[in-house]
Amino acid sequence: MQVHSLINVEIILPYLRAWKKEGQIRYAGITHYEDLYLPPLTHWVEQGNLDFVQLHYSIFNRKVAWSSVRPASGISAKPGSISAPSRVSR
């Protein structure tokens, strides 16, 4: 389950974490599609305990590969490729 576009993330994410702990959901994560929100995404990744982060990355938009989300999440990227660990959690 995800908090889409970081809407009310500070309210919803604690519920998702609790539901995950109770076994009601398997994964908890966050999403956003605008590059403007890379800093807030980084903040939530640094908080830890996320299973995934979905963001806008394509051949036409590689800004995320060089953003602060990448090192915070453990994603490694170099020109022409990007790879991610199986989990973003710390």
C-alpha atoms as a PDB file:
ATOM      1  CA  MET A   1       0.000   0.000   0.000  1.00  0.00           C
ATOM      2  CA  GLN A   2       1.265   3.472  -0.731  1.00  0.00           C
ATOM      3  CA  VAL A   3       0.828   7.113   0.145  1.00  0.00           C
ATOM      4  CA  HIS A   4       0.312   8.554  -3.316  1.00  0.00           C
ATOM      5  CA  SER A   5       1.802  11.977  -4.094  1.00  0.00           C
ATOM      6  CA  LEU A   6       2.753  12.402  -0.427  1.00  0.00           C
ATOM      7  CA  ILE A   7      -0.807  13.541   0.328  1.00  0.00           C
ATOM      8  CA  ASN A   8      -1.227  13.537   4.129  1.00  0.00           C
ATOM      9  CA  VAL A   9       1.866  11.332   4.398  1.00  0.00           C
ATOM     10  CA  GLU A  10       2.500  12.340   8.006  1.00  0.00           C
ATOM     11  CA  ILE A  11      -0.971  11.026   8.920  1.00  0.00           C
ATOM     12  CA  ILE A  12      -1.265   7.997   6.639  1.00  0.00           C
ATOM     13  CA  LEU A  13       2.232   6.481   6.863  1.00  0.00           C
ATOM     14  CA  PRO A  14       1.974   5.656  10.593  1.00  0.00           C
ATOM     15  CA  TYR A  15      -1.229   3.720   9.827  1.00  0.00           C
ATOM     16  CA  LEU A  16       0.493   1.821   7.025  1.00  0.00           C
ATOM     17  CA  ARG A  17       3.416   0.976   9.299  1.00  0.00           C
ATOM     18  CA  ALA A  18       1.032  -0.268  11.992  1.00  0.00           C
ATOM     19  CA  TRP A  19      -0.966  -2.345   9.506  1.00  0.00           C
ATOM     20  CA  LYS A  20       2.244  -3.851   8.182  1.00  0.00           C
ATOM     21  CA  LYS A  21       3.363  -4.743  11.705  1.00  0.00           C
ATOM     22  CA  GLU A  22      -0.033  -6.385  12.295  1.00  0.00           C
ATOM     23  CA  GLY A  23       0.283  -8.332   9.050  1.00  0.00           C
ATOM     24  CA  GLN A  24      -2.658  -6.613   7.358  1.00  0.00           C
ATOM     25  CA  ILE A  25      -0.499  -5.363   4.472  1.00  0.00           C
ATOM     26  CA  ARG A  26       2.812  -6.633   3.135  1.00  0.00           C
ATOM     27  CA  TYR A  27       4.499  -3.447   1.873  1.00  0.00           C
ATOM     28  CA  ALA A  28       4.329   0.251   2.734  1.00  0.00           C
ATOM     29  CA  GLY A  29       5.739   2.999   0.557  1.00  0.00           C
ATOM     30  CA  ILE A  30       5.434   6.486  -0.850  1.00  0.00           C
ATOM     31  CA  THR A  31       5.113   7.986  -4.316  1.00  0.00           C
ATOM     32  CA  HIS A  32       5.397  11.236  -6.199  1.00  0.00           C
ATOM     33  CA  TYR A  33       5.789  12.094  -9.851  1.00  0.00           C
ATOM     34  CA  GLU A  34       7.090  15.684  -9.754  1.00  0.00           C
ATOM     35  CA  ASP A  35      10.807  16.446  -9.423  1.00  0.00           C
ATOM     36  CA  LEU A  36       9.923  19.337  -7.126  1.00  0.00           C
ATOM     37  CA  TYR A  37       9.073  16.741  -4.454  1.00  0.00           C
ATOM     38  CA  LEU A  38      12.424  14.937  -4.468  1.00  0.00           C
ATOM     39  CA  PRO A  39      13.534  16.680  -1.214  1.00  0.00           C
ATOM     40  CA  PRO A  40      10.381  15.613   0.700  1.00  0.00           C
ATOM     41  CA  LEU A  41      10.754  12.086  -0.711  1.00  0.00           C
ATOM     42  CA  THR A  42      14.324  12.074   0.583  1.00  0.00           C
ATOM     43  CA  HIS A  43      13.105  13.124   4.029  1.00  0.00           C
ATOM     44  CA  TRP A  44      10.708  10.182   4.231  1.00  0.00           C
ATOM     45  CA  VAL A  45      13.285   7.729   2.860  1.00  0.00           C
ATOM     46  CA  GLU A  46      15.739   8.885   5.547  1.00  0.00           C
ATOM     47  CA  GLN A  47      13.068   8.211   8.187  1.00  0.00           C
ATOM     48  CA  GLY A  48      13.404   4.562   7.169  1.00  0.00           C
ATOM     49  CA  ASN A  49      10.955   1.690   7.402  1.00  0.00           C
ATOM     50  CA  LEU A  50       9.760   1.999   3.776  1.00  0.00           C
ATOM     51  CA  ASP A  51       9.539  -0.942   1.430  1.00  0.00           C
ATOM     52  CA  PHE A  52       9.431   1.100  -1.761  1.00  0.00           C
ATOM     53  CA  VAL A  53       9.529   4.571  -3.238  1.00  0.00           C
ATOM     54  CA  GLN A  54       7.888   5.179  -6.592  1.00  0.00           C
ATOM     55  CA  LEU A  55       8.996   8.245  -8.495  1.00  0.00           C
ATOM     56  CA  HIS A  56       9.272   9.616 -11.992  1.00  0.00           C
ATOM     57  CA  TYR A  57      12.299   8.125 -13.702  1.00  0.00           C
ATOM     58  CA  SER A  58      12.587   7.527 -17.409  1.00  0.00           C
ATOM     59  CA  ILE A  59      14.945   7.961 -20.311  1.00  0.00           C
ATOM     60  CA  PHE A  60      13.518  11.477 -20.626  1.00  0.00           C
ATOM     61  CA  ASN A  61      13.725  12.327 -16.917  1.00  0.00           C
ATOM     62  CA  ARG A  62      16.803  11.095 -15.063  1.00  0.00           C
ATOM     63  CA  LYS A  63      16.924  13.813 -12.414  1.00  0.00           C
ATOM     64  CA  VAL A  64      16.179  11.298  -9.689  1.00  0.00           C
ATOM     65  CA  ALA A  65      19.366   9.397 -10.525  1.00  0.00           C
ATOM     66  CA  TRP A  66      21.366  12.405  -9.352  1.00  0.00           C
ATOM     67  CA  SER A  67      19.040  13.577  -6.574  1.00  0.00           C
ATOM     68  CA  SER A  68      19.430  13.121  -2.845  1.00  0.00           C
ATOM     69  CA  VAL A  69      16.782  10.348  -2.887  1.00  0.00           C
ATOM     70  CA  ARG A  70      19.295   7.998  -4.490  1.00  0.00           C
ATOM     71  CA  PRO A  71      21.965   7.971  -1.755  1.00  0.00           C
ATOM     72  CA  ALA A  72      19.349   8.081   0.992  1.00  0.00           C
ATOM     73  CA  SER A  73      17.656   4.965  -0.363  1.00  0.00           C
ATOM     74  CA  GLY A  74      20.764   2.983  -1.207  1.00  0.00           C
ATOM     75  CA  ILE A  75      20.002   3.093  -4.935  1.00  0.00           C
ATOM     76  CA  SER A  76      23.133   3.182  -7.010  1.00  0.00           C
ATOM     77  CA  ALA A  77      23.172   4.915 -10.364  1.00  0.00           C
ATOM     78  CA  LYS A  78      25.692   5.766 -13.018  1.00  0.00           C
ATOM     79  CA  PRO A  79      25.169   7.283 -16.448  1.00  0.00           C
ATOM     80  CA  GLY A  80      23.131   4.909 -18.552  1.00  0.00           C
ATOM     81  CA  SER A  81      21.952   2.624 -15.749  1.00  0.00           C
ATOM     82  CA  ILE A  82      20.176   2.516 -12.425  1.00  0.00           C
ATOM     83  CA  SER A  83      19.819  -0.338  -9.981  1.00  0.00           C
ATOM     84  CA  ALA A  84      18.008  -0.593  -6.695  1.00  0.00           C
ATOM     85  CA  PRO A  85      18.192  -2.889  -3.679  1.00  0.00           C
ATOM     86  CA  SER A  86      15.323  -5.271  -3.070  1.00  0.00           C
ATOM     87  CA  ARG A  87      14.185  -3.173  -0.089  1.00  0.00           C
ATOM     88  CA  VAL A  88      14.559   0.507   0.785  1.00  0.00           C
ATOM     89  CA  SER A  89      14.141  -0.117   4.531  1.00  0.00           C
ATOM     90  CA  ARG A  90      17.013   0.553   6.857  1.00  0.00           C
END
